């Protein structure tokens, strides 16, 4: 696998692999955020596959696009147990 492909796939995984909500009450905010991030990933995947055909700017561009979109929607709108074990 090329480094560009690996980086793109890592960005897609980052989009969809967000921490589970800490409480039942956080599920709605989690679902909204996940839906937004999945949509960003779909846009990036569609572009990376060259759809529409004249819109393929290269895998690096699509990776950067996805990372920029994810930075706008970090998993901070709900309580969750992060990697450190605490509640964010």
PDB file of N, CA and C in Angstrom:
ATOM      1  N   UNK A   1       0.859  -1.171   0.000  1.00  0.00           N
ATOM      2  CA  UNK A   1       0.000   0.000   0.000  1.00  0.00           C
ATOM      3  C   UNK A   1       0.905   1.234   0.000  1.00  0.00           C
ATOM      4  N   UNK A   2       0.564   2.191  -0.827  1.00  0.00           N
ATOM      5  CA  UNK A   2       1.376   3.409  -0.899  1.00  0.00           C
ATOM      6  C   UNK A   2       1.151   4.263   0.353  1.00  0.00           C
ATOM      7  N   UNK A   3       2.125   5.105   0.691  1.00  0.00           N
ATOM      8  CA  UNK A   3       1.957   5.995   1.846  1.00  0.00           C
ATOM      9  C   UNK A   3       0.745   6.927   1.697  1.00  0.00           C
ATOM     10  N   UNK A   4       0.488   7.416   0.475  1.00  0.00           N
ATOM     11  CA  UNK A   4      -0.668   8.288   0.261  1.00  0.00           C
ATOM     12  C   UNK A   4      -1.980   7.551   0.511  1.00  0.00           C
ATOM     13  N   UNK A   5      -2.052   6.308   0.069  1.00  0.00           N
ATOM     14  CA  UNK A   5      -3.257   5.503   0.274  1.00  0.00           C
ATOM     15  C   UNK A   5      -3.445   5.234   1.756  1.00  0.00           C
ATOM     16  N   UNK A   6      -2.360   4.901   2.431  1.00  0.00           N
ATOM     17  CA  UNK A   6      -2.446   4.625   3.874  1.00  0.00           C
ATOM     18  C   UNK A   6      -2.918   5.857   4.634  1.00  0.00           C
ATOM     19  N   UNK A   7      -2.383   7.010   4.294  1.00  0.00           N
ATOM     20  CA  UNK A   7      -2.771   8.256   4.965  1.00  0.00           C
ATOM     21  C   UNK A   7      -4.244   8.575   4.711  1.00  0.00           C
ATOM     22  N   UNK A   8      -4.701   8.354   3.492  1.00  0.00           N
ATOM     23  CA  UNK A   8      -6.104   8.607   3.177  1.00  0.00           C
ATOM     24  C   UNK A   8      -7.011   7.674   3.970  1.00  0.00           C
ATOM     25  N   UNK A   9      -6.668   6.409   3.990  1.00  0.00           N
ATOM     26  CA  UNK A   9      -7.481   5.449   4.748  1.00  0.00           C
ATOM     27  C   UNK A   9      -7.463   5.755   6.245  1.00  0.00           C
ATOM     28  N   UNK A  10      -6.325   6.233   6.754  1.00  0.00           N
ATOM     29  CA  UNK A  10      -6.247   6.621   8.167  1.00  0.00           C
ATOM     30  C   UNK A  10      -7.187   7.797   8.451  1.00  0.00           C
ATOM     31  N   UNK A  11      -7.284   8.739   7.507  1.00  0.00           N
ATOM     32  CA  UNK A  11      -8.188   9.876   7.680  1.00  0.00           C
ATOM     33  C   UNK A  11      -9.646   9.411   7.680  1.00  0.00           C
ATOM     34  N   UNK A  12      -9.977   8.474   6.789  1.00  0.00           N
ATOM     35  CA  UNK A  12     -11.342   7.939   6.761  1.00  0.00           C
ATOM     36  C   UNK A  12     -11.653   7.239   8.087  1.00  0.00           C
ATOM     37  N   UNK A  13     -10.703   6.454   8.584  1.00  0.00           N
ATOM     38  CA  UNK A  13     -10.911   5.788   9.875  1.00  0.00           C
ATOM     39  C   UNK A  13     -11.092   6.806  10.993  1.00  0.00           C
ATOM     40  N   UNK A  14     -10.287   7.864  10.981  1.00  0.00           N
ATOM     41  CA  UNK A  14     -10.443   8.915  11.991  1.00  0.00           C
ATOM     42  C   UNK A  14     -11.835   9.536  11.931  1.00  0.00           C
ATOM     43  N   UNK A  15     -12.394   9.623  10.739  1.00  0.00           N
ATOM     44  CA  UNK A  15     -13.723  10.217  10.583  1.00  0.00           C
ATOM     45  C   UNK A  15     -14.796   9.384  11.265  1.00  0.00           C
ATOM     46  N   UNK A  16     -14.691   8.078  11.160  1.00  0.00           N
ATOM     47  CA  UNK A  16     -15.781   7.225  11.632  1.00  0.00           C
ATOM     48  C   UNK A  16     -15.509   6.541  12.971  1.00  0.00           C
ATOM     49  N   UNK A  17     -14.289   6.553  13.423  1.00  0.00           N
ATOM     50  CA  UNK A  17     -13.933   5.877  14.678  1.00  0.00           C
ATOM     51  C   UNK A  17     -13.808   6.900  15.801  1.00  0.00           C
ATOM     52  N   UNK A  18     -14.961   7.393  16.257  1.00  0.00           N
ATOM     53  CA  UNK A  18     -14.954   8.370  17.342  1.00  0.00           C
ATOM     54  C   UNK A  18     -15.394   7.671  18.624  1.00  0.00           C
ATOM     55  N   UNK A  19     -15.016   8.223  19.775  1.00  0.00           N
ATOM     56  CA  UNK A  19     -15.339   7.567  21.045  1.00  0.00           C
ATOM     57  C   UNK A  19     -16.840   7.425  21.272  1.00  0.00           C
ATOM     58  N   UNK A  20     -17.211   6.322  21.870  1.00  0.00           N
ATOM     59  CA  UNK A  20     -18.611   6.074  22.209  1.00  0.00           C
ATOM     60  C   UNK A  20     -19.062   7.059  23.282  1.00  0.00           C
ATOM     61  N   UNK A  21     -20.341   7.403  23.285  1.00  0.00           N
ATOM     62  CA  UNK A  21     -20.831   8.332  24.302  1.00  0.00           C
ATOM     63  C   UNK A  21     -20.732   7.727  25.698  1.00  0.00           C
ATOM     64  N   UNK A  22     -20.474   8.585  26.669  1.00  0.00           N
ATOM     65  CA  UNK A  22     -20.318   8.138  28.052  1.00  0.00           C
ATOM     66  C   UNK A  22     -21.649   7.827  28.709  1.00  0.00           C
ATOM     67  N   UNK A  23     -22.704   8.516  28.300  1.00  0.00           N
ATOM     68  CA  UNK A  23     -24.011   8.315  28.911  1.00  0.00           C
ATOM     69  C   UNK A  23     -25.081   8.193  27.834  1.00  0.00           C
ATOM     70  N   UNK A  24     -26.226   7.679  28.229  1.00  0.00           N
ATOM     71  CA  UNK A  24     -27.363   7.573  27.317  1.00  0.00           C
ATOM     72  C   UNK A  24     -27.726   8.947  26.767  1.00  0.00           C
ATOM     73  N   UNK A  25     -27.648   9.955  27.602  1.00  0.00           N
ATOM     74  CA  UNK A  25     -28.000  11.313  27.198  1.00  0.00           C
ATOM     75  C   UNK A  25     -27.078  11.908  26.148  1.00  0.00           C
ATOM     76  N   UNK A  26     -25.894  11.351  26.000  1.00  0.00           N
ATOM     77  CA  UNK A  26     -24.932  11.852  25.014  1.00  0.00           C
ATOM     78  C   UNK A  26     -25.097  11.194  23.651  1.00  0.00           C
ATOM     79  N   UNK A  27     -25.995  10.229  23.548  1.00  0.00           N
ATOM     80  CA  UNK A  27     -26.135   9.476  22.300  1.00  0.00           C
ATOM     81  C   UNK A  27     -26.598  10.332  21.131  1.00  0.00           C
ATOM     82  N   UNK A  28     -27.487  11.281  21.379  1.00  0.00           N
ATOM     83  CA  UNK A  28     -27.995  12.119  20.290  1.00  0.00           C
ATOM     84  C   UNK A  28     -26.885  12.988  19.700  1.00  0.00           C
ATOM     85  N   UNK A  29     -26.100  13.630  20.552  1.00  0.00           N
ATOM     86  CA  UNK A  29     -24.992  14.457  20.069  1.00  0.00           C
ATOM     87  C   UNK A  29     -23.951  13.596  19.351  1.00  0.00           C
ATOM     88  N   UNK A  30     -23.692  12.409  19.879  1.00  0.00           N
ATOM     89  CA  UNK A  30     -22.767  11.462  19.236  1.00  0.00           C
ATOM     90  C   UNK A  30     -23.265  11.103  17.845  1.00  0.00           C
ATOM     91  N   UNK A  31     -24.542  10.786  17.726  1.00  0.00           N
ATOM     92  CA  UNK A  31     -25.113  10.380  16.437  1.00  0.00           C
ATOM     93  C   UNK A  31     -25.045  11.513  15.414  1.00  0.00           C
ATOM     94  N   UNK A  32     -25.348  12.742  15.842  1.00  0.00           N
ATOM     95  CA  UNK A  32     -25.267  13.884  14.929  1.00  0.00           C
ATOM     96  C   UNK A  32     -23.841  14.091  14.441  1.00  0.00           C
ATOM     97  N   UNK A  33     -22.885  14.040  15.365  1.00  0.00           N
ATOM     98  CA  UNK A  33     -21.491  14.244  14.992  1.00  0.00           C
ATOM     99  C   UNK A  33     -21.004  13.136  14.062  1.00  0.00           C
ATOM    100  N   UNK A  34     -21.328  11.901  14.386  1.00  0.00           N
ATOM    101  CA  UNK A  34     -20.909  10.787  13.543  1.00  0.00           C
ATOM    102  C   UNK A  34     -21.502  10.920  12.143  1.00  0.00           C
ATOM    103  N   UNK A  35     -22.767  11.299  12.047  1.00  0.00           N
ATOM    104  CA  UNK A  35     -23.401  11.468  10.738  1.00  0.00           C
ATOM    105  C   UNK A  35     -22.691  12.547   9.924  1.00  0.00           C
ATOM    106  N   UNK A  36     -22.334  13.656  10.558  1.00  0.00           N
ATOM    107  CA  UNK A  36     -21.609  14.725   9.865  1.00  0.00           C
ATOM    108  C   UNK A  36     -20.250  14.238   9.374  1.00  0.00           C
ATOM    109  N   UNK A  37     -19.548  13.501  10.218  1.00  0.00           N
ATOM    110  CA  UNK A  37     -18.212  13.017   9.864  1.00  0.00           C
ATOM    111  C   UNK A  37     -18.276  11.928   8.791  1.00  0.00           C
ATOM    112  N   UNK A  38     -19.309  11.100   8.822  1.00  0.00           N
ATOM    113  CA  UNK A  38     -19.490  10.096   7.764  1.00  0.00           C
ATOM    114  C   UNK A  38     -19.743  10.803   6.431  1.00  0.00           C
ATOM    115  N   UNK A  39     -20.549  11.838   6.439  1.00  0.00           N
ATOM    116  CA  UNK A  39     -20.801  12.584   5.211  1.00  0.00           C
ATOM    117  C   UNK A  39     -19.501  13.178   4.658  1.00  0.00           C
ATOM    118  N   UNK A  40     -18.671  13.732   5.529  1.00  0.00           N
ATOM    119  CA  UNK A  40     -17.373  14.252   5.087  1.00  0.00           C
ATOM    120  C   UNK A  40     -16.528  13.138   4.462  1.00  0.00           C
ATOM    121  N   UNK A  41     -16.548  11.962   5.067  1.00  0.00           N
ATOM    122  CA  UNK A  41     -15.789  10.830   4.530  1.00  0.00           C
ATOM    123  C   UNK A  41     -16.337  10.395   3.180  1.00  0.00           C
ATOM    124  N   UNK A  42     -17.658  10.392   3.024  1.00  0.00           N
ATOM    125  CA  UNK A  42     -18.271  10.017   1.741  1.00  0.00           C
ATOM    126  C   UNK A  42     -17.845  10.994   0.649  1.00  0.00           C
ATOM    127  N   UNK A  43     -17.848  12.275   0.943  1.00  0.00           N
ATOM    128  CA  UNK A  43     -17.426  13.281  -0.033  1.00  0.00           C
ATOM    129  C   UNK A  43     -15.975  13.037  -0.437  1.00  0.00           C
ATOM    130  N   UNK A  44     -15.113  12.795   0.536  1.00  0.00           N
ATOM    131  CA  UNK A  44     -13.695  12.554   0.243  1.00  0.00           C
ATOM    132  C   UNK A  44     -13.511  11.261  -0.557  1.00  0.00           C
ATOM    133  N   UNK A  45     -14.208  10.205  -0.172  1.00  0.00           N
ATOM    134  CA  UNK A  45     -14.109   8.938  -0.900  1.00  0.00           C
ATOM    135  C   UNK A  45     -14.604   9.081  -2.332  1.00  0.00           C
ATOM    136  N   UNK A  46     -15.712   9.777  -2.503  1.00  0.00           N
ATOM    137  CA  UNK A  46     -16.258   9.983  -3.842  1.00  0.00           C
ATOM    138  C   UNK A  46     -15.259  10.744  -4.715  1.00  0.00           C
ATOM    139  N   UNK A  47     -14.683  11.775  -4.154  1.00  0.00           N
ATOM    140  CA  UNK A  47     -13.684  12.546  -4.899  1.00  0.00           C
ATOM    141  C   UNK A  47     -12.438  11.737  -5.199  1.00  0.00           C
ATOM    142  N   UNK A  48     -11.981  10.966  -4.235  1.00  0.00           N
ATOM    143  CA  UNK A  48     -10.780  10.153  -4.430  1.00  0.00           C
ATOM    144  C   UNK A  48     -10.987   9.104  -5.519  1.00  0.00           C
ATOM    145  N   UNK A  49     -12.229   8.666  -5.680  1.00  0.00           N
ATOM    146  CA  UNK A  49     -12.545   7.696  -6.727  1.00  0.00           C
ATOM    147  C   UNK A  49     -12.781   8.370  -8.080  1.00  0.00           C
ATOM    148  N   UNK A  50     -12.625   9.707  -8.110  1.00  0.00           N
ATOM    149  CA  UNK A  50     -12.724  10.428  -9.370  1.00  0.00           C
ATOM    150  C   UNK A  50     -14.135  10.703  -9.834  1.00  0.00           C
ATOM    151  N   UNK A  51     -15.054  10.899  -8.905  1.00  0.00           N
ATOM    152  CA  UNK A  51     -16.437  11.229  -9.260  1.00  0.00           C
ATOM    153  C   UNK A  51     -16.730  12.663  -8.855  1.00  0.00           C
ATOM    154  N   UNK A  52     -17.126  13.540  -9.702  1.00  0.00           N
ATOM    155  CA  UNK A  52     -17.164  13.350 -11.142  1.00  0.00           C
ATOM    156  C   UNK A  52     -15.762  13.256 -11.716  1.00  0.00           C
ATOM    157  N   UNK A  53     -15.619  12.689 -12.889  1.00  0.00           N
ATOM    158  CA  UNK A  53     -14.287  12.403 -13.456  1.00  0.00           C
ATOM    159  C   UNK A  53     -13.363  13.606 -13.565  1.00  0.00           C
ATOM    160  N   UNK A  54     -13.895  14.794 -13.775  1.00  0.00           N
ATOM    161  CA  UNK A  54     -13.042  15.973 -13.924  1.00  0.00           C
ATOM    162  C   UNK A  54     -12.663  16.605 -12.584  1.00  0.00           C
ATOM    163  N   UNK A  55     -13.059  15.980 -11.465  1.00  0.00           N
ATOM    164  CA  UNK A  55     -12.808  16.563 -10.146  1.00  0.00           C
ATOM    165  C   UNK A  55     -11.735  15.820  -9.356  1.00  0.00           C
ATOM    166  N   UNK A  56     -10.917  15.006  -9.997  1.00  0.00           N
ATOM    167  CA  UNK A  56      -9.890  14.274  -9.266  1.00  0.00           C
ATOM    168  C   UNK A  56      -8.630  15.128  -9.153  1.00  0.00           C
ATOM    169  N   UNK A  57      -8.381  15.611  -7.939  1.00  0.00           N
ATOM    170  CA  UNK A  57      -7.229  16.469  -7.696  1.00  0.00           C
ATOM    171  C   UNK A  57      -6.089  15.715  -7.028  1.00  0.00           C
ATOM    172  N   UNK A  58      -6.192  14.431  -6.939  1.00  0.00           N
ATOM    173  CA  UNK A  58      -5.144  13.620  -6.318  1.00  0.00           C
ATOM    174  C   UNK A  58      -5.514  13.219  -4.905  1.00  0.00           C
ATOM    175  N   UNK A  59      -4.987  12.081  -4.496  1.00  0.00           N
ATOM    176  CA  UNK A  59      -5.331  11.521  -3.189  1.00  0.00           C
ATOM    177  C   UNK A  59      -4.902  12.428  -2.038  1.00  0.00           C
ATOM    178  N   UNK A  60      -3.757  13.065  -2.175  1.00  0.00           N
ATOM    179  CA  UNK A  60      -3.288  13.974  -1.132  1.00  0.00           C
ATOM    180  C   UNK A  60      -4.246  15.122  -0.891  1.00  0.00           C
ATOM    181  N   UNK A  61      -4.807  15.662  -1.960  1.00  0.00           N
ATOM    182  CA  UNK A  61      -5.765  16.754  -1.824  1.00  0.00           C
ATOM    183  C   UNK A  61      -6.984  16.288  -1.054  1.00  0.00           C
ATOM    184  N   UNK A  62      -7.495  15.098  -1.389  1.00  0.00           N
ATOM    185  CA  UNK A  62      -8.694  14.578  -0.723  1.00  0.00           C
ATOM    186  C   UNK A  62      -8.414  14.253   0.746  1.00  0.00           C
ATOM    187  N   UNK A  63      -7.216  13.787   1.037  1.00  0.00           N
ATOM    188  CA  UNK A  63      -6.831  13.541   2.433  1.00  0.00           C
ATOM    189  C   UNK A  63      -6.825  14.854   3.205  1.00  0.00           C
ATOM    190  N   UNK A  64      -6.204  15.870   2.632  1.00  0.00           N
ATOM    191  CA  UNK A  64      -6.164  17.177   3.294  1.00  0.00           C
ATOM    192  C   UNK A  64      -7.562  17.753   3.475  1.00  0.00           C
ATOM    193  N   UNK A  65      -8.413  17.607   2.461  1.00  0.00           N
ATOM    194  CA  UNK A  65      -9.794  18.078   2.560  1.00  0.00           C
ATOM    195  C   UNK A  65     -10.499  17.413   3.739  1.00  0.00           C
ATOM    196  N   UNK A  66     -10.382  16.099   3.810  1.00  0.00           N
ATOM    197  CA  UNK A  66     -11.060  15.370   4.881  1.00  0.00           C
ATOM    198  C   UNK A  66     -10.526  15.790   6.240  1.00  0.00           C
ATOM    199  N   UNK A  67      -9.220  15.910   6.376  1.00  0.00           N
ATOM    200  CA  UNK A  67      -8.643  16.337   7.660  1.00  0.00           C
ATOM    201  C   UNK A  67      -9.143  17.734   8.053  1.00  0.00           C
ATOM    202  N   UNK A  68      -9.260  18.640   7.086  1.00  0.00           N
ATOM    203  CA  UNK A  68      -9.771  19.988   7.388  1.00  0.00           C
ATOM    204  C   UNK A  68     -11.217  19.916   7.877  1.00  0.00           C
ATOM    205  N   UNK A  69     -12.035  19.086   7.233  1.00  0.00           N
ATOM    206  CA  UNK A  69     -13.430  18.955   7.647  1.00  0.00           C
ATOM    207  C   UNK A  69     -13.531  18.347   9.044  1.00  0.00           C
ATOM    208  N   UNK A  70     -12.709  17.336   9.315  1.00  0.00           N
ATOM    209  CA  UNK A  70     -12.752  16.698  10.631  1.00  0.00           C
ATOM    210  C   UNK A  70     -12.325  17.662  11.734  1.00  0.00           C
ATOM    211  N   UNK A  71     -11.389  18.543  11.423  1.00  0.00           N
ATOM    212  CA  UNK A  71     -10.941  19.523  12.413  1.00  0.00           C
ATOM    213  C   UNK A  71     -12.077  20.474  12.799  1.00  0.00           C
ATOM    214  N   UNK A  72     -13.034  20.663  11.894  1.00  0.00           N
ATOM    215  CA  UNK A  72     -14.181  21.525  12.175  1.00  0.00           C
ATOM    216  C   UNK A  72     -15.210  20.826  13.065  1.00  0.00           C
ATOM    217  N   UNK A  73     -15.157  19.502  13.130  1.00  0.00           N
ATOM    218  CA  UNK A  73     -16.135  18.712  13.890  1.00  0.00           C
ATOM    219  C   UNK A  73     -15.441  17.700  14.798  1.00  0.00           C
ATOM    220  N   UNK A  74     -14.667  18.174  15.770  1.00  0.00           N
ATOM    221  CA  UNK A  74     -14.005  17.223  16.667  1.00  0.00           C
ATOM    222  C   UNK A  74     -15.011  16.607  17.645  1.00  0.00           C
ATOM    223  N   UNK A  75     -14.684  15.454  18.206  1.00  0.00           N
ATOM    224  CA  UNK A  75     -15.601  14.809  19.151  1.00  0.00           C
ATOM    225  C   UNK A  75     -15.573  15.475  20.533  1.00  0.00           C
ATOM    226  N   UNK A  76     -15.988  16.738  20.547  1.00  0.00           N
ATOM    227  CA  UNK A  76     -16.002  17.493  21.804  1.00  0.00           C
ATOM    228  C   UNK A  76     -17.397  17.987  22.155  1.00  0.00           C
ATOM    229  N   UNK A  77     -18.402  17.585  21.395  1.00  0.00           N
ATOM    230  CA  UNK A  77     -19.762  18.068  21.622  1.00  0.00           C
ATOM    231  C   UNK A  77     -20.572  17.136  22.515  1.00  0.00           C
ATOM    232  N   UNK A  78     -19.933  16.099  23.023  1.00  0.00           N
ATOM    233  CA  UNK A  78     -20.602  15.151  23.906  1.00  0.00           C
ATOM    234  C   UNK A  78     -19.577  14.565  24.864  1.00  0.00           C
ATOM    235  N   UNK A  79     -20.057  14.001  25.966  1.00  0.00           N
ATOM    236  CA  UNK A  79     -19.156  13.366  26.919  1.00  0.00           C
ATOM    237  C   UNK A  79     -18.840  11.953  26.456  1.00  0.00           C
ATOM    238  N   UNK A  80     -17.580  11.608  26.567  1.00  0.00           N
ATOM    239  CA  UNK A  80     -17.146  10.261  26.165  1.00  0.00           C
ATOM    240  C   UNK A  80     -15.928   9.876  26.987  1.00  0.00           C
ATOM    241  N   UNK A  81     -15.625   8.613  26.950  1.00  0.00           N
ATOM    242  CA  UNK A  81     -14.420   8.110  27.607  1.00  0.00           C
ATOM    243  C   UNK A  81     -13.338   8.044  26.547  1.00  0.00           C
ATOM    244  N   UNK A  82     -12.372   8.931  26.644  1.00  0.00           N
ATOM    245  CA  UNK A  82     -11.285   8.970  25.669  1.00  0.00           C
ATOM    246  C   UNK A  82     -10.242   7.928  25.956  1.00  0.00           C
ATOM    247  N   UNK A  83      -9.164   7.969  25.199  1.00  0.00           N
ATOM    248  CA  UNK A  83      -8.078   7.000  25.324  1.00  0.00           C
ATOM    249  C   UNK A  83      -7.441   7.024  26.712  1.00  0.00           C
ATOM    250  N   UNK A  84      -7.504   8.189  27.374  1.00  0.00           N
ATOM    251  CA  UNK A  84      -6.883   8.291  28.693  1.00  0.00           C
ATOM    252  C   UNK A  84      -7.734   7.666  29.784  1.00  0.00           C
ATOM    253  N   UNK A  85      -8.962   7.287  29.451  1.00  0.00           N
ATOM    254  CA  UNK A  85      -9.842   6.675  30.435  1.00  0.00           C
ATOM    255  C   UNK A  85     -10.718   7.662  31.174  1.00  0.00           C
ATOM    256  N   UNK A  86     -10.472   8.966  30.991  1.00  0.00           N
ATOM    257  CA  UNK A  86     -11.300   9.974  31.637  1.00  0.00           C
ATOM    258  C   UNK A  86     -12.464  10.354  30.753  1.00  0.00           C
ATOM    259  N   UNK A  87     -13.350  11.163  31.269  1.00  0.00           N
ATOM    260  CA  UNK A  87     -14.477  11.653  30.479  1.00  0.00           C
ATOM    261  C   UNK A  87     -14.084  12.975  29.880  1.00  0.00           C
ATOM    262  N   UNK A  88     -14.236  13.086  28.564  1.00  0.00           N
ATOM    263  CA  UNK A  88     -13.870  14.320  27.869  1.00  0.00           C
ATOM    264  C   UNK A  88     -15.002  15.318  27.960  1.00  0.00           C
TER     265      UNK A  88
END
